[in-house]
Amino acid sequence: MLAKVKVPPEFKRDPFFFAQDVTSFQPPLLRHKTHHQPVFIYDIVAKEEGLLEAPWNSLEDCIPSLFIEWKTQEKILHEQFSLRKVTNAKEIVTEWSGRFLSALFWINGGPLQGLTALEANIQKLTYKPVNTSERVLFLLKKPGMYHSFVQLSELYTELQKQYAIKRIRLKK
């Protein structure tokens, strides 16, 4: 049975939740299955109701599988752009841009607080790719462009490196 949660105003930013007030998800929210749930659901539930199994508290349960799933989606996106199926590609780029944003904040130790002050919040992060704010803004404005796919792919590669750096620093 699907559960519903109200989407806070801070998460209503084009192209995400533009006209919707609620989003549905399949409980329970498990850390190792983050890519099977709607975008931002962990961040929204944490903000609205609290969350027992938060992905940012146990990164090794969710981040590696997210990167593996991204590689599958990356191949699909490459094929979609090769076939010039921009509408299909736009939906995937939008979804995985959102997943990137969540992962970016999780790697930095907490949930994404919203999308309205995104640029300022990204600037405060320790582990992030170079020029993340500018690149993400481009993605959100033009998710249907091939160059957006290329940017997203590079952002995931760089985020994976930042995640590795964080893990190495934590082991010292």
Protein backbone atom coordinates (compact mmCIF):
# COMPACT_ATOMS: atom_id res chain seq x y z
CA MET A 1 0.00 0.00 0.00
CA LEU A 2 1.31 3.44 -0.92
CA ALA A 3 1.84 6.10 1.71
CA LYS A 4 1.48 9.81 0.98
CA VAL A 5 3.33 12.80 2.29
CA LYS A 6 2.77 16.51 1.74
CA VAL A 7 5.48 18.15 -0.34
CA PRO A 8 6.81 21.15 1.61
CA PRO A 9 6.96 24.48 -0.23
CA GLU A 10 10.78 24.37 -0.08
CA PHE A 11 10.75 21.39 -2.46
CA LYS A 12 8.45 22.95 -5.06
CA ARG A 13 10.83 24.16 -7.72
CA ASP A 14 10.60 23.57 -11.42
CA PRO A 15 11.14 20.87 -12.67
CA PHE A 16 10.33 19.04 -9.40
CA PHE A 17 6.85 18.86 -7.83
CA PHE A 18 5.84 21.93 -9.76
CA ALA A 19 2.08 21.57 -9.32
CA GLN A 20 1.74 18.69 -6.87
CA ASP A 21 1.01 19.01 -3.18
CA VAL A 22 1.60 15.36 -2.23
CA THR A 23 3.85 12.54 -3.32
CA SER A 24 3.39 8.81 -2.82
CA PHE A 25 5.96 6.26 -1.79
CA GLN A 26 6.19 2.59 -0.92
CA PRO A 27 6.92 2.06 2.79
CA PRO A 28 9.16 1.09 4.43
CA LEU A 29 11.88 3.54 3.42
CA LEU A 30 15.01 1.41 3.41
CA ARG A 31 18.46 2.96 3.04
CA HIS A 32 19.75 0.42 0.52
CA LYS A 33 16.75 0.93 -1.80
CA THR A 34 16.85 4.71 -2.18
CA HIS A 35 16.78 4.66 -5.98
CA HIS A 36 13.51 2.65 -5.93
CA GLN A 37 11.61 5.47 -4.22
CA PRO A 38 10.46 8.86 -5.56
CA VAL A 39 13.03 11.63 -5.77
CA PHE A 40 13.59 13.54 -2.49
CA ILE A 41 11.27 11.25 -0.51
CA TYR A 42 13.83 10.61 2.25
CA ASP A 43 14.56 14.33 2.55
CA ILE A 44 10.86 15.24 2.60
CA VAL A 45 9.86 12.54 5.10
CA ALA A 46 12.77 13.53 7.37
CA LYS A 47 11.63 17.15 7.24
CA GLU A 48 7.90 16.47 7.71
CA GLU A 49 7.71 13.39 9.92
CA GLY A 50 11.18 12.28 10.97
CA LEU A 51 13.01 9.25 9.66
CA LEU A 52 14.45 6.30 11.57
CA GLU A 53 16.68 4.86 8.83
CA ALA A 54 18.19 7.99 7.31
CA PRO A 55 20.54 7.38 4.35
CA TRP A 56 22.92 10.15 5.46
CA ASN A 57 23.54 8.26 8.72
CA SER A 58 24.74 5.12 6.94
CA LEU A 59 26.14 6.08 3.55
CA GLU A 60 27.62 2.67 2.80
CA ASP A 61 24.09 1.24 2.68
CA CYS A 62 22.84 3.55 -0.06
CA ILE A 63 25.48 5.56 -1.93
CA PRO A 64 27.34 2.68 -3.67
CA SER A 65 24.07 1.18 -4.98
CA LEU A 66 22.95 4.62 -6.14
CA PHE A 67 26.16 5.01 -8.17
CA ILE A 68 25.67 1.52 -9.67
CA GLU A 69 22.09 2.33 -10.67
CA TRP A 70 23.25 5.65 -12.16
CA LYS A 71 25.58 3.72 -14.50
CA THR A 72 22.55 1.79 -15.81
CA GLN A 73 20.56 4.99 -16.26
CA GLU A 74 23.55 6.65 -17.94
CA LYS A 75 23.55 3.94 -20.63
CA ILE A 76 19.80 4.36 -21.13
CA LEU A 77 20.21 8.14 -21.43
CA HIS A 78 23.01 7.77 -23.95
CA GLU A 79 20.75 5.54 -26.04
CA GLN A 80 17.79 7.93 -25.71
CA PHE A 81 19.85 10.87 -26.93
CA SER A 82 21.32 8.77 -29.75
CA LEU A 83 17.77 7.99 -30.90
CA ARG A 84 16.78 11.66 -30.38
CA LYS A 85 14.09 10.74 -27.87
CA VAL A 86 14.54 13.95 -25.94
CA THR A 87 11.24 13.74 -24.02
CA ASN A 88 12.17 10.38 -22.49
CA ALA A 89 15.69 11.60 -21.77
CA LYS A 90 14.41 14.80 -20.15
CA GLU A 91 12.40 12.82 -17.58
CA ILE A 92 15.38 10.63 -16.70
CA VAL A 93 17.79 13.59 -16.47
CA THR A 94 15.32 15.41 -14.20
CA GLU A 95 14.87 12.39 -11.92
CA TRP A 96 18.58 11.64 -11.66
CA SER A 97 19.42 15.31 -11.15
CA GLY A 98 17.20 15.14 -8.08
CA ARG A 99 18.87 11.95 -6.93
CA PHE A 100 22.25 13.63 -7.42
CA LEU A 101 21.17 16.55 -5.22
CA SER A 102 20.01 14.23 -2.44
CA ALA A 103 23.21 12.18 -2.61
CA LEU A 104 25.29 15.36 -2.57
CA PHE A 105 23.73 16.46 0.73
CA TRP A 106 23.71 12.95 2.21
CA ILE A 107 27.45 12.61 1.59
CA ASN A 108 27.85 15.86 3.50
CA GLY A 109 26.03 14.40 6.50
CA GLY A 110 22.40 15.48 6.28
CA PRO A 111 19.24 15.70 4.23
CA LEU A 112 18.55 18.15 1.45
CA GLN A 113 16.54 20.89 3.21
CA GLY A 114 14.78 22.07 0.07
CA LEU A 115 15.26 23.47 -3.39
CA THR A 116 14.43 27.12 -2.88
CA ALA A 117 17.79 28.09 -1.33
CA LEU A 118 19.69 25.40 -3.19
CA GLU A 119 22.58 27.50 -4.47
CA ALA A 120 23.41 28.95 -1.05
CA ASN A 121 23.13 25.54 0.62
CA ILE A 122 25.43 23.91 -1.94
CA GLN A 123 28.07 26.58 -1.30
CA LYS A 124 28.23 25.51 2.37
CA LEU A 125 29.03 21.86 1.57
CA THR A 126 32.48 20.38 2.08
CA TYR A 127 32.31 17.44 -0.35
CA LYS A 128 31.10 18.59 -3.74
CA PRO A 129 32.21 18.72 -7.37
CA VAL A 130 33.74 21.91 -8.73
CA ASN A 131 31.19 24.60 -9.71
CA THR A 132 28.32 22.43 -8.54
CA SER A 133 25.80 25.26 -8.15
CA GLU A 134 26.25 26.61 -11.67
CA ARG A 135 26.18 23.16 -13.23
CA VAL A 136 23.06 22.10 -11.31
CA LEU A 137 21.26 25.32 -12.26
CA PHE A 138 21.98 24.56 -15.90
CA LEU A 139 20.62 21.02 -15.47
CA LEU A 140 17.43 22.25 -13.86
CA LYS A 141 16.81 24.88 -16.53
CA LYS A 142 17.51 22.64 -19.55
CA PRO A 143 17.18 18.96 -18.60
CA GLY A 144 16.30 17.93 -22.15
CA MET A 145 19.60 18.96 -23.70
CA TYR A 146 22.40 16.52 -24.48
CA HIS A 147 24.85 18.84 -22.74
CA SER A 148 22.77 18.51 -19.56
CA PHE A 149 23.22 14.75 -19.73
CA VAL A 150 26.98 15.22 -20.14
CA GLN A 151 27.06 17.59 -17.14
CA LEU A 152 25.03 15.17 -15.02
CA SER A 153 27.34 12.31 -15.96
CA GLU A 154 30.39 14.35 -15.00
CA LEU A 155 28.77 15.46 -11.73
CA TYR A 156 28.14 11.83 -10.76
CA THR A 157 31.74 10.90 -11.59
CA GLU A 158 33.06 13.78 -9.50
CA LEU A 159 30.65 13.07 -6.64
CA GLN A 160 31.84 9.48 -6.57
CA LYS A 161 35.39 10.79 -6.15
CA GLN A 162 34.28 13.13 -3.35
CA TYR A 163 32.58 10.21 -1.63
CA ALA A 164 35.82 8.21 -1.83
CA ILE A 165 37.76 11.16 -0.39
CA LYS A 166 35.34 11.40 2.52
CA ARG A 167 35.62 7.68 3.24
CA ILE A 168 39.42 7.89 3.23
CA ARG A 169 39.40 10.87 5.61
CA LEU A 170 37.00 9.11 7.99
CA LYS A 171 39.27 6.06 8.19
CA LYS A 172 42.27 8.14 9.35
